[in-house]
């Protein structure tokens, strides 16, 4: 009998605890520390893998990934606008959320490829930033392009807010530090973080399970179209990542992580940016779709599915 990766079971435990309305909770301060450790560790691991391996082919790869951050919002926007039948503000919001990525999904995918012994490049950490930034900005541009009244969300400082987001700072900073010192020179410090990665991820997913269960309580019959989108979109969007991975000739681990990212949706950076720039957007709907439905699908079903799809493509 094949059982899921152990870190996934912590997510399931959180969902079960939330469904039965247990008094289990992760203090906010502890959750903040877990998320900070997770981002920093992901950055460090990626940077150490990049140590001594920069090349022109890497630049081409990163440009290809960044293009996905532009393409996916352009695909999602008309789908949610005309098929899911959301308002303009909510359509732009969903385009930004689904064009952007989930760091939690990335962490689970990274743990999965390590467990499976798949080859993965250190540059996959940069995928997070390269997919997130253009997607959020394009979602806002789509709203302003089609909005009749040009709603007065504050766009001043958007670039600053996005680029200086704590997740981005820790990811990029971790990559730089890991790349500068490599796996050996800084081992006295980095070893502490990398060795605790699985344990930190497990506790993070426990909290995500509790939040997902709480979000799902807001499901109503009128959300049927949104539910269908949130459950079907991951597999379809993973195709963008798998196709780009095949074009770039990525190894199996990197391909799986790229597919998992294109299949994911943001529930941290995008909500903050959209709430400030598009006040009329219903962030609750976006969180219901991204965190309540798409995130559990990817963690429980999607990542092994994308692995199978890559095996068929690479074949």
C-alpha atoms as a PDB file:
ATOM      1  CA  UNK A   1       0.000   0.000   0.000  1.00  0.00           C
ATOM      2  CA  UNK A   2       1.346   3.408  -1.024  1.00  0.00           C
ATOM      3  CA  UNK A   3       0.899   6.151   1.551  1.00  0.00           C
ATOM      4  CA  UNK A   4       1.211   9.904   0.956  1.00  0.00           C
ATOM      5  CA  UNK A   5       4.367  11.774   1.916  1.00  0.00           C
ATOM      6  CA  UNK A   6       4.373  12.242   5.689  1.00  0.00           C
ATOM      7  CA  UNK A   7       4.322  16.064   5.471  1.00  0.00           C
ATOM      8  CA  UNK A   8       1.051  15.824   3.501  1.00  0.00           C
ATOM      9  CA  UNK A   9      -0.508  13.909   6.384  1.00  0.00           C
ATOM     10  CA  UNK A  10       0.068  16.921   8.634  1.00  0.00           C
ATOM     11  CA  UNK A  11      -2.083  18.944   6.221  1.00  0.00           C
ATOM     12  CA  UNK A  12      -4.774  16.241   6.398  1.00  0.00           C
ATOM     13  CA  UNK A  13      -4.569  16.333  10.203  1.00  0.00           C
ATOM     14  CA  UNK A  14      -5.135  20.088  10.142  1.00  0.00           C
ATOM     15  CA  UNK A  15      -8.159  19.721   7.844  1.00  0.00           C
ATOM     16  CA  UNK A  16      -9.674  17.020  10.069  1.00  0.00           C
ATOM     17  CA  UNK A  17      -9.076  19.112  13.197  1.00  0.00           C
ATOM     18  CA  UNK A  18     -10.767  22.066  11.519  1.00  0.00           C
ATOM     19  CA  UNK A  19     -13.741  20.034  10.272  1.00  0.00           C
ATOM     20  CA  UNK A  20     -14.476  18.605  13.743  1.00  0.00           C
ATOM     21  CA  UNK A  21     -13.977  22.116  15.201  1.00  0.00           C
ATOM     22  CA  UNK A  22     -11.132  21.116  17.484  1.00  0.00           C
ATOM     23  CA  UNK A  23      -9.560  23.809  19.663  1.00  0.00           C
ATOM     24  CA  UNK A  24      -6.218  23.027  18.003  1.00  0.00           C
ATOM     25  CA  UNK A  25      -4.555  26.200  16.745  1.00  0.00           C
ATOM     26  CA  UNK A  26      -1.124  27.494  15.811  1.00  0.00           C
ATOM     27  CA  UNK A  27      -0.409  30.851  17.501  1.00  0.00           C
ATOM     28  CA  UNK A  28      -0.002  33.651  14.964  1.00  0.00           C
ATOM     29  CA  UNK A  29       3.509  34.424  16.182  1.00  0.00           C
ATOM     30  CA  UNK A  30       4.500  30.773  15.713  1.00  0.00           C
ATOM     31  CA  UNK A  31       2.949  30.705  12.223  1.00  0.00           C
ATOM     32  CA  UNK A  32       4.858  33.857  11.261  1.00  0.00           C
ATOM     33  CA  UNK A  33       8.111  32.265  12.409  1.00  0.00           C
ATOM     34  CA  UNK A  34       7.342  29.057  10.490  1.00  0.00           C
ATOM     35  CA  UNK A  35       6.587  30.931   7.279  1.00  0.00           C
ATOM     36  CA  UNK A  36       9.749  33.041   7.620  1.00  0.00           C
ATOM     37  CA  UNK A  37      11.886  29.945   8.234  1.00  0.00           C
ATOM     38  CA  UNK A  38      10.285  28.206   5.267  1.00  0.00           C
ATOM     39  CA  UNK A  39      10.972  31.075   2.860  1.00  0.00           C
ATOM     40  CA  UNK A  40      14.553  31.538   4.071  1.00  0.00           C
ATOM     41  CA  UNK A  41      15.322  27.809   3.913  1.00  0.00           C
ATOM     42  CA  UNK A  42      13.889  27.474   0.396  1.00  0.00           C
ATOM     43  CA  UNK A  43      16.053  30.386  -0.719  1.00  0.00           C
ATOM     44  CA  UNK A  44      19.184  28.958   0.926  1.00  0.00           C
ATOM     45  CA  UNK A  45      18.670  25.514  -0.603  1.00  0.00           C
ATOM     46  CA  UNK A  46      18.225  27.024  -4.054  1.00  0.00           C
ATOM     47  CA  UNK A  47      21.235  29.309  -3.703  1.00  0.00           C
ATOM     48  CA  UNK A  48      23.514  26.508  -2.572  1.00  0.00           C
ATOM     49  CA  UNK A  49      22.439  24.415  -5.569  1.00  0.00           C
ATOM     50  CA  UNK A  50      23.218  27.388  -7.859  1.00  0.00           C
ATOM     51  CA  UNK A  51      26.718  27.766  -6.392  1.00  0.00           C
ATOM     52  CA  UNK A  52      29.179  27.639  -9.302  1.00  0.00           C
ATOM     53  CA  UNK A  53      26.569  26.794 -11.954  1.00  0.00           C
ATOM     54  CA  UNK A  54      25.510  30.125 -13.534  1.00  0.00           C
ATOM     55  CA  UNK A  55      25.326  30.105 -17.351  1.00  0.00           C
ATOM     56  CA  UNK A  56      23.639  31.579 -20.428  1.00  0.00           C
ATOM     57  CA  UNK A  57      21.288  28.605 -20.624  1.00  0.00           C
ATOM     58  CA  UNK A  58      20.118  29.463 -17.111  1.00  0.00           C
ATOM     59  CA  UNK A  59      19.171  32.974 -18.279  1.00  0.00           C
ATOM     60  CA  UNK A  60      17.127  31.499 -21.155  1.00  0.00           C
ATOM     61  CA  UNK A  61      15.379  29.169 -18.704  1.00  0.00           C
ATOM     62  CA  UNK A  62      14.454  31.993 -16.338  1.00  0.00           C
ATOM     63  CA  UNK A  63      13.103  34.131 -19.193  1.00  0.00           C
ATOM     64  CA  UNK A  64      10.922  31.211 -20.291  1.00  0.00           C
ATOM     65  CA  UNK A  65       9.542  30.840 -16.762  1.00  0.00           C
ATOM     66  CA  UNK A  66       8.850  34.581 -16.497  1.00  0.00           C
ATOM     67  CA  UNK A  67       6.821  34.407 -19.724  1.00  0.00           C
ATOM     68  CA  UNK A  68       4.486  31.944 -18.007  1.00  0.00           C
ATOM     69  CA  UNK A  69       3.823  34.597 -15.349  1.00  0.00           C
ATOM     70  CA  UNK A  70       2.449  36.783 -18.156  1.00  0.00           C
ATOM     71  CA  UNK A  71       0.657  34.098 -20.169  1.00  0.00           C
ATOM     72  CA  UNK A  72      -1.330  32.397 -17.390  1.00  0.00           C
ATOM     73  CA  UNK A  73      -3.193  35.533 -16.163  1.00  0.00           C
ATOM     74  CA  UNK A  74      -4.153  36.285 -19.780  1.00  0.00           C
ATOM     75  CA  UNK A  75      -5.680  32.802 -20.039  1.00  0.00           C
ATOM     76  CA  UNK A  76      -7.379  32.797 -16.626  1.00  0.00           C
ATOM     77  CA  UNK A  77      -8.968  36.242 -16.948  1.00  0.00           C
ATOM     78  CA  UNK A  78     -11.461  35.499 -19.789  1.00  0.00           C
ATOM     79  CA  UNK A  79     -12.267  32.077 -18.306  1.00  0.00           C
ATOM     80  CA  UNK A  80     -13.356  33.431 -14.927  1.00  0.00           C
ATOM     81  CA  UNK A  81     -14.973  36.495 -16.515  1.00  0.00           C
ATOM     82  CA  UNK A  82     -17.177  34.700 -19.053  1.00  0.00           C
ATOM     83  CA  UNK A  83     -17.432  31.072 -17.890  1.00  0.00           C
ATOM     84  CA  UNK A  84     -17.324  31.425 -14.098  1.00  0.00           C
ATOM     85  CA  UNK A  85     -19.184  34.765 -14.550  1.00  0.00           C
ATOM     86  CA  UNK A  86     -17.358  36.831 -11.973  1.00  0.00           C
ATOM     87  CA  UNK A  87     -17.291  40.621 -11.876  1.00  0.00           C
ATOM     88  CA  UNK A  88     -14.470  42.511 -13.580  1.00  0.00           C
ATOM     89  CA  UNK A  89     -12.771  43.188 -10.241  1.00  0.00           C
ATOM     90  CA  UNK A  90     -12.997  39.542  -9.144  1.00  0.00           C
ATOM     91  CA  UNK A  91     -11.891  38.297 -12.569  1.00  0.00           C
ATOM     92  CA  UNK A  92      -8.764  40.452 -12.415  1.00  0.00           C
ATOM     93  CA  UNK A  93      -8.226  39.276  -8.842  1.00  0.00           C
ATOM     94  CA  UNK A  94      -8.446  35.582  -9.808  1.00  0.00           C
ATOM     95  CA  UNK A  95      -6.162  36.183 -12.789  1.00  0.00           C
ATOM     96  CA  UNK A  96      -3.542  37.635 -10.439  1.00  0.00           C
ATOM     97  CA  UNK A  97      -3.986  34.872  -7.851  1.00  0.00           C
ATOM     98  CA  UNK A  98      -3.776  31.990 -10.333  1.00  0.00           C
ATOM     99  CA  UNK A  99      -1.026  33.576 -12.397  1.00  0.00           C
ATOM    100  CA  UNK A 100       0.908  33.976  -9.169  1.00  0.00           C
ATOM    101  CA  UNK A 101       2.106  31.004  -7.133  1.00  0.00           C
ATOM    102  CA  UNK A 102       1.857  29.254  -3.783  1.00  0.00           C
ATOM    103  CA  UNK A 103       5.043  29.024  -1.737  1.00  0.00           C
ATOM    104  CA  UNK A 104       3.380  26.274   0.317  1.00  0.00           C
ATOM    105  CA  UNK A 105       2.799  24.178  -2.802  1.00  0.00           C
ATOM    106  CA  UNK A 106       6.404  24.821  -3.836  1.00  0.00           C
ATOM    107  CA  UNK A 107       7.660  23.567  -0.472  1.00  0.00           C
ATOM    108  CA  UNK A 108       5.566  20.388  -0.698  1.00  0.00           C
ATOM    109  CA  UNK A 109       6.716  19.785  -4.299  1.00  0.00           C
ATOM    110  CA  UNK A 110      10.344  20.318  -3.247  1.00  0.00           C
ATOM    111  CA  UNK A 111       9.961  17.791  -0.437  1.00  0.00           C
ATOM    112  CA  UNK A 112       8.321  15.368  -2.891  1.00  0.00           C
ATOM    113  CA  UNK A 113      11.120  15.540  -5.477  1.00  0.00           C
ATOM    114  CA  UNK A 114      13.718  15.052  -2.753  1.00  0.00           C
ATOM    115  CA  UNK A 115      11.842  12.003  -1.440  1.00  0.00           C
ATOM    116  CA  UNK A 116      11.569  10.593  -4.977  1.00  0.00           C
ATOM    117  CA  UNK A 117      15.241  11.258  -5.655  1.00  0.00           C
ATOM    118  CA  UNK A 118      14.515  13.391  -8.738  1.00  0.00           C
ATOM    119  CA  UNK A 119      17.112  15.741 -10.219  1.00  0.00           C
ATOM    120  CA  UNK A 120      16.282  19.376  -9.507  1.00  0.00           C
ATOM    121  CA  UNK A 121      18.162  22.590 -10.282  1.00  0.00           C
ATOM    122  CA  UNK A 122      18.771  25.228  -7.633  1.00  0.00           C
ATOM    123  CA  UNK A 123      17.221  27.873  -9.890  1.00  0.00           C
ATOM    124  CA  UNK A 124      13.725  26.511  -9.152  1.00  0.00           C
ATOM    125  CA  UNK A 125      13.615  28.838  -6.144  1.00  0.00           C
ATOM    126  CA  UNK A 126      13.790  31.762  -8.549  1.00  0.00           C
ATOM    127  CA  UNK A 127      10.671  30.429 -10.293  1.00  0.00           C
ATOM    128  CA  UNK A 128       8.640  31.672  -7.321  1.00  0.00           C
ATOM    129  CA  UNK A 129       9.625  35.296  -7.850  1.00  0.00           C
ATOM    130  CA  UNK A 130       9.598  35.135 -11.653  1.00  0.00           C
ATOM    131  CA  UNK A 131       6.030  33.825 -11.719  1.00  0.00           C
ATOM    132  CA  UNK A 132       4.636  35.917  -8.888  1.00  0.00           C
ATOM    133  CA  UNK A 133       5.667  39.461  -9.809  1.00  0.00           C
ATOM    134  CA  UNK A 134       4.470  39.683 -13.449  1.00  0.00           C
ATOM    135  CA  UNK A 135       1.218  37.861 -12.642  1.00  0.00           C
ATOM    136  CA  UNK A 136       0.188  40.302  -9.924  1.00  0.00           C
ATOM    137  CA  UNK A 137       1.068  43.333 -12.011  1.00  0.00           C
ATOM    138  CA  UNK A 138      -0.712  41.964 -15.076  1.00  0.00           C
ATOM    139  CA  UNK A 139      -3.853  41.248 -13.030  1.00  0.00           C
ATOM    140  CA  UNK A 140      -3.935  44.898 -12.005  1.00  0.00           C
ATOM    141  CA  UNK A 141      -3.280  46.052 -15.569  1.00  0.00           C
ATOM    142  CA  UNK A 142      -6.161  43.919 -16.850  1.00  0.00           C
ATOM    143  CA  UNK A 143      -8.492  45.517 -14.350  1.00  0.00           C
ATOM    144  CA  UNK A 144      -7.455  49.037 -15.257  1.00  0.00           C
ATOM    145  CA  UNK A 145      -7.627  48.261 -18.977  1.00  0.00           C
ATOM    146  CA  UNK A 146     -11.277  47.125 -18.854  1.00  0.00           C
ATOM    147  CA  UNK A 147     -12.582  49.216 -15.965  1.00  0.00           C
ATOM    148  CA  UNK A 148     -14.904  52.019 -17.085  1.00  0.00           C
ATOM    149  CA  UNK A 149     -14.525  54.107 -13.950  1.00  0.00           C
ATOM    150  CA  UNK A 150     -10.861  53.329 -13.305  1.00  0.00           C
ATOM    151  CA  UNK A 151     -11.559  52.545  -9.657  1.00  0.00           C
ATOM    152  CA  UNK A 152      -9.354  54.430  -7.314  1.00  0.00           C
ATOM    153  CA  UNK A 153      -7.172  51.685  -5.893  1.00  0.00           C
ATOM    154  CA  UNK A 154      -3.786  53.052  -4.897  1.00  0.00           C
ATOM    155  CA  UNK A 155      -1.159  51.885  -7.399  1.00  0.00           C
ATOM    156  CA  UNK A 156       1.576  54.197  -6.110  1.00  0.00           C
ATOM    157  CA  UNK A 157       4.346  52.125  -4.655  1.00  0.00           C
ATOM    158  CA  UNK A 158       2.961  48.840  -6.028  1.00  0.00           C
ATOM    159  CA  UNK A 159       6.329  47.847  -7.403  1.00  0.00           C
ATOM    160  CA  UNK A 160       7.951  48.710  -4.086  1.00  0.00           C
ATOM    161  CA  UNK A 161       5.384  46.756  -2.064  1.00  0.00           C
ATOM    162  CA  UNK A 162       5.666  43.717  -4.327  1.00  0.00           C
ATOM    163  CA  UNK A 163       9.447  43.655  -4.557  1.00  0.00           C
ATOM    164  CA  UNK A 164       9.967  44.313  -0.843  1.00  0.00           C
ATOM    165  CA  UNK A 165       7.411  41.749   0.333  1.00  0.00           C
ATOM    166  CA  UNK A 166       9.031  39.784   3.157  1.00  0.00           C
ATOM    167  CA  UNK A 167       8.674  36.522   1.251  1.00  0.00           C
ATOM    168  CA  UNK A 168      10.454  37.962  -1.772  1.00  0.00           C
ATOM    169  CA  UNK A 169      13.193  39.473   0.405  1.00  0.00           C
ATOM    170  CA  UNK A 170      13.824  36.181   2.215  1.00  0.00           C
ATOM    171  CA  UNK A 171      13.701  34.075  -0.952  1.00  0.00           C
ATOM    172  CA  UNK A 172      16.003  36.316  -2.978  1.00  0.00           C
ATOM    173  CA  UNK A 173      18.259  37.023   0.000  1.00  0.00           C
ATOM    174  CA  UNK A 174      18.465  33.330   0.817  1.00  0.00           C
ATOM    175  CA  UNK A 175      19.357  32.529  -2.787  1.00  0.00           C
ATOM    176  CA  UNK A 176      22.137  35.133  -2.752  1.00  0.00           C
ATOM    177  CA  UNK A 177      23.590  33.937   0.561  1.00  0.00           C
ATOM    178  CA  UNK A 178      23.370  30.282  -0.465  1.00  0.00           C
ATOM    179  CA  UNK A 179      24.966  31.014  -3.847  1.00  0.00           C
ATOM    180  CA  UNK A 180      27.741  33.099  -2.269  1.00  0.00           C
ATOM    181  CA  UNK A 181      28.789  30.529   0.334  1.00  0.00           C
ATOM    182  CA  UNK A 182      27.712  27.245  -1.229  1.00  0.00           C
ATOM    183  CA  UNK A 183      26.838  24.057   0.675  1.00  0.00           C
ATOM    184  CA  UNK A 184      30.110  23.866   2.610  1.00  0.00           C
ATOM    185  CA  UNK A 185      31.447  27.319   3.552  1.00  0.00           C
ATOM    186  CA  UNK A 186      28.278  28.334   5.383  1.00  0.00           C
ATOM    187  CA  UNK A 187      27.263  24.900   6.657  1.00  0.00           C
ATOM    188  CA  UNK A 188      27.616  25.916  10.311  1.00  0.00           C
ATOM    189  CA  UNK A 189      24.591  28.199   9.820  1.00  0.00           C
ATOM    190  CA  UNK A 190      22.727  26.895   6.768  1.00  0.00           C
ATOM    191  CA  UNK A 191      22.845  23.301   8.012  1.00  0.00           C
ATOM    192  CA  UNK A 192      20.534  24.241  10.884  1.00  0.00           C
ATOM    193  CA  UNK A 193      17.861  25.468   8.482  1.00  0.00           C
ATOM    194  CA  UNK A 194      18.138  22.827   5.776  1.00  0.00           C
ATOM    195  CA  UNK A 195      18.126  19.918   8.239  1.00  0.00           C
ATOM    196  CA  UNK A 196      14.929  21.252   9.855  1.00  0.00           C
ATOM    197  CA  UNK A 197      13.143  21.882   6.523  1.00  0.00           C
ATOM    198  CA  UNK A 198      10.815  18.863   6.668  1.00  0.00           C
ATOM    199  CA  UNK A 199       9.812  19.518  10.279  1.00  0.00           C
ATOM    200  CA  UNK A 200       9.087  23.201   9.653  1.00  0.00           C
ATOM    201  CA  UNK A 201       7.089  22.304   6.543  1.00  0.00           C
ATOM    202  CA  UNK A 202       5.020  19.766   8.489  1.00  0.00           C
ATOM    203  CA  UNK A 203       3.971  22.356  11.089  1.00  0.00           C
ATOM    204  CA  UNK A 204       3.294  24.924   8.349  1.00  0.00           C
ATOM    205  CA  UNK A 205       0.996  22.462   6.567  1.00  0.00           C
ATOM    206  CA  UNK A 206      -0.793  21.685   9.822  1.00  0.00           C
ATOM    207  CA  UNK A 207      -1.753  25.359  10.040  1.00  0.00           C
ATOM    208  CA  UNK A 208      -2.676  25.428   6.326  1.00  0.00           C
ATOM    209  CA  UNK A 209      -5.017  22.489   6.930  1.00  0.00           C
ATOM    210  CA  UNK A 210      -6.773  24.369   9.736  1.00  0.00           C
ATOM    211  CA  UNK A 211      -7.134  27.468   7.539  1.00  0.00           C
ATOM    212  CA  UNK A 212      -8.385  25.457   4.552  1.00  0.00           C
ATOM    213  CA  UNK A 213     -11.074  23.790   6.679  1.00  0.00           C
ATOM    214  CA  UNK A 214     -12.196  27.179   7.983  1.00  0.00           C
ATOM    215  CA  UNK A 215     -12.291  28.625   4.451  1.00  0.00           C
ATOM    216  CA  UNK A 216     -14.377  25.727   3.124  1.00  0.00           C
ATOM    217  CA  UNK A 217     -17.128  26.499   5.640  1.00  0.00           C
ATOM    218  CA  UNK A 218     -17.989  29.514   3.477  1.00  0.00           C
ATOM    219  CA  UNK A 219     -18.931  27.328   0.506  1.00  0.00           C
ATOM    220  CA  UNK A 220     -22.429  27.984  -0.855  1.00  0.00           C
ATOM    221  CA  UNK A 221     -24.404  26.626  -3.824  1.00  0.00           C
ATOM    222  CA  UNK A 222     -23.822  29.846  -5.753  1.00  0.00           C
ATOM    223  CA  UNK A 223     -20.116  29.067  -5.698  1.00  0.00           C
ATOM    224  CA  UNK A 224     -20.539  25.940  -7.856  1.00  0.00           C
ATOM    225  CA  UNK A 225     -18.854  27.439 -10.922  1.00  0.00           C
ATOM    226  CA  UNK A 226     -15.983  28.766  -8.835  1.00  0.00           C
ATOM    227  CA  UNK A 227     -15.553  25.346  -7.194  1.00  0.00           C
ATOM    228  CA  UNK A 228     -15.368  23.662 -10.601  1.00  0.00           C
ATOM    229  CA  UNK A 229     -12.794  26.189 -11.768  1.00  0.00           C
ATOM    230  CA  UNK A 230     -10.650  25.838  -8.627  1.00  0.00           C
ATOM    231  CA  UNK A 231     -10.580  22.032  -8.955  1.00  0.00           C
ATOM    232  CA  UNK A 232     -10.123  21.812 -12.734  1.00  0.00           C
ATOM    233  CA  UNK A 233      -7.698  24.713 -13.211  1.00  0.00           C
ATOM    234  CA  UNK A 234      -4.669  23.128 -11.459  1.00  0.00           C
ATOM    235  CA  UNK A 235      -4.405  20.172 -13.837  1.00  0.00           C
ATOM    236  CA  UNK A 236      -4.992  22.351 -16.896  1.00  0.00           C
ATOM    237  CA  UNK A 237      -2.544  25.039 -15.764  1.00  0.00           C
ATOM    238  CA  UNK A 238       0.088  22.425 -14.940  1.00  0.00           C
ATOM    239  CA  UNK A 239       0.177  21.811 -18.693  1.00  0.00           C
ATOM    240  CA  UNK A 240       1.795  25.228 -19.177  1.00  0.00           C
ATOM    241  CA  UNK A 241       4.587  24.313 -16.788  1.00  0.00           C
ATOM    242  CA  UNK A 242       5.076  20.837 -18.251  1.00  0.00           C
ATOM    243  CA  UNK A 243       5.162  22.204 -21.802  1.00  0.00           C
ATOM    244  CA  UNK A 244       7.708  24.893 -20.921  1.00  0.00           C
ATOM    245  CA  UNK A 245       9.779  22.308 -19.033  1.00  0.00           C
ATOM    246  CA  UNK A 246       9.840  20.090 -22.121  1.00  0.00           C
ATOM    247  CA  UNK A 247      10.831  23.022 -24.368  1.00  0.00           C
ATOM    248  CA  UNK A 248      13.627  24.004 -21.985  1.00  0.00           C
ATOM    249  CA  UNK A 249      14.807  20.425 -21.501  1.00  0.00           C
ATOM    250  CA  UNK A 250      14.497  20.552 -17.713  1.00  0.00           C
ATOM    251  CA  UNK A 251      15.286  17.532 -15.521  1.00  0.00           C
ATOM    252  CA  UNK A 252      12.372  15.669 -13.959  1.00  0.00           C
ATOM    253  CA  UNK A 253      12.509  17.383 -10.556  1.00  0.00           C
ATOM    254  CA  UNK A 254      12.645  20.894 -11.993  1.00  0.00           C
ATOM    255  CA  UNK A 255       9.843  20.055 -14.442  1.00  0.00           C
ATOM    256  CA  UNK A 256       7.623  18.778 -11.636  1.00  0.00           C
ATOM    257  CA  UNK A 257       8.222  21.867  -9.513  1.00  0.00           C
ATOM    258  CA  UNK A 258       7.483  24.195 -12.439  1.00  0.00           C
ATOM    259  CA  UNK A 259       4.269  22.301 -13.191  1.00  0.00           C
ATOM    260  CA  UNK A 260       3.247  22.409  -9.516  1.00  0.00           C
ATOM    261  CA  UNK A 261       3.829  26.163  -9.434  1.00  0.00           C
ATOM    262  CA  UNK A 262       1.836  26.915 -12.596  1.00  0.00           C
ATOM    263  CA  UNK A 263      -0.929  24.729 -11.150  1.00  0.00           C
ATOM    264  CA  UNK A 264      -0.954  26.654  -7.865  1.00  0.00           C
ATOM    265  CA  UNK A 265      -2.504  29.933  -6.775  1.00  0.00           C
ATOM    266  CA  UNK A 266      -1.216  32.597  -4.400  1.00  0.00           C
ATOM    267  CA  UNK A 267      -2.781  33.084  -0.976  1.00  0.00           C
ATOM    268  CA  UNK A 268      -0.143  35.377   0.533  1.00  0.00           C
ATOM    269  CA  UNK A 269       1.349  37.978  -1.822  1.00  0.00           C
ATOM    270  CA  UNK A 270      -1.528  38.357  -4.298  1.00  0.00           C
ATOM    271  CA  UNK A 271      -4.267  39.009  -1.677  1.00  0.00           C
ATOM    272  CA  UNK A 272      -2.188  41.804  -0.139  1.00  0.00           C
ATOM    273  CA  UNK A 273      -1.552  43.501  -3.498  1.00  0.00           C
ATOM    274  CA  UNK A 274      -5.122  43.080  -4.794  1.00  0.00           C
ATOM    275  CA  UNK A 275      -6.741  44.313  -1.585  1.00  0.00           C
ATOM    276  CA  UNK A 276      -4.763  47.543  -1.838  1.00  0.00           C
ATOM    277  CA  UNK A 277      -5.129  48.104  -5.589  1.00  0.00           C
ATOM    278  CA  UNK A 278      -8.684  46.836  -6.307  1.00  0.00           C
ATOM    279  CA  UNK A 279     -10.837  47.638  -3.253  1.00  0.00           C
ATOM    280  CA  UNK A 280     -14.033  46.193  -4.773  1.00  0.00           C
ATOM    281  CA  UNK A 281     -12.507  42.739  -5.360  1.00  0.00           C
ATOM    282  CA  UNK A 282     -13.867  40.049  -3.031  1.00  0.00           C
ATOM    283  CA  UNK A 283     -10.676  38.625  -1.518  1.00  0.00           C
ATOM    284  CA  UNK A 284     -12.753  35.991   0.266  1.00  0.00           C
ATOM    285  CA  UNK A 285     -13.688  34.428  -3.077  1.00  0.00           C
ATOM    286  CA  UNK A 286     -10.052  34.314  -4.147  1.00  0.00           C
ATOM    287  CA  UNK A 287      -9.005  32.732  -0.843  1.00  0.00           C
ATOM    288  CA  UNK A 288     -11.852  30.218  -1.043  1.00  0.00           C
ATOM    289  CA  UNK A 289     -10.636  29.121  -4.477  1.00  0.00           C
ATOM    290  CA  UNK A 290      -6.871  29.286  -3.945  1.00  0.00           C
ATOM    291  CA  UNK A 291      -6.468  28.131  -0.341  1.00  0.00           C
ATOM    292  CA  UNK A 292      -9.707  26.244   0.269  1.00  0.00           C
ATOM    293  CA  UNK A 293      -9.755  24.204  -2.952  1.00  0.00           C
ATOM    294  CA  UNK A 294      -6.713  24.501  -5.245  1.00  0.00           C
ATOM    295  CA  UNK A 295      -4.085  24.169  -2.500  1.00  0.00           C
ATOM    296  CA  UNK A 296      -5.577  20.950  -1.024  1.00  0.00           C
ATOM    297  CA  UNK A 297      -6.000  19.511  -4.529  1.00  0.00           C
ATOM    298  CA  UNK A 298      -2.348  20.110  -5.357  1.00  0.00           C
ATOM    299  CA  UNK A 299      -1.046  18.788  -2.052  1.00  0.00           C
ATOM    300  CA  UNK A 300      -3.210  15.663  -1.932  1.00  0.00           C
ATOM    301  CA  UNK A 301      -3.616  14.749  -5.608  1.00  0.00           C
ATOM    302  CA  UNK A 302      -1.946  17.169  -7.994  1.00  0.00           C
ATOM    303  CA  UNK A 303       1.794  16.773  -7.387  1.00  0.00           C
ATOM    304  CA  UNK A 304       1.861  12.969  -7.898  1.00  0.00           C
ATOM    305  CA  UNK A 305      -0.444  13.476 -10.907  1.00  0.00           C
ATOM    306  CA  UNK A 306       1.907  15.989 -12.523  1.00  0.00           C
ATOM    307  CA  UNK A 307       4.786  13.574 -11.903  1.00  0.00           C
ATOM    308  CA  UNK A 308       2.888  10.909 -13.841  1.00  0.00           C
ATOM    309  CA  UNK A 309       2.084  13.365 -16.636  1.00  0.00           C
ATOM    310  CA  UNK A 310       5.759  14.320 -16.925  1.00  0.00           C
ATOM    311  CA  UNK A 311       6.684  10.642 -17.161  1.00  0.00           C
ATOM    312  CA  UNK A 312       4.242  10.322 -20.079  1.00  0.00           C
ATOM    313  CA  UNK A 313       5.586  13.476 -21.796  1.00  0.00           C
ATOM    314  CA  UNK A 314       9.256  12.645 -21.258  1.00  0.00           C
ATOM    315  CA  UNK A 315       8.662   9.175 -22.112  1.00  0.00           C
END
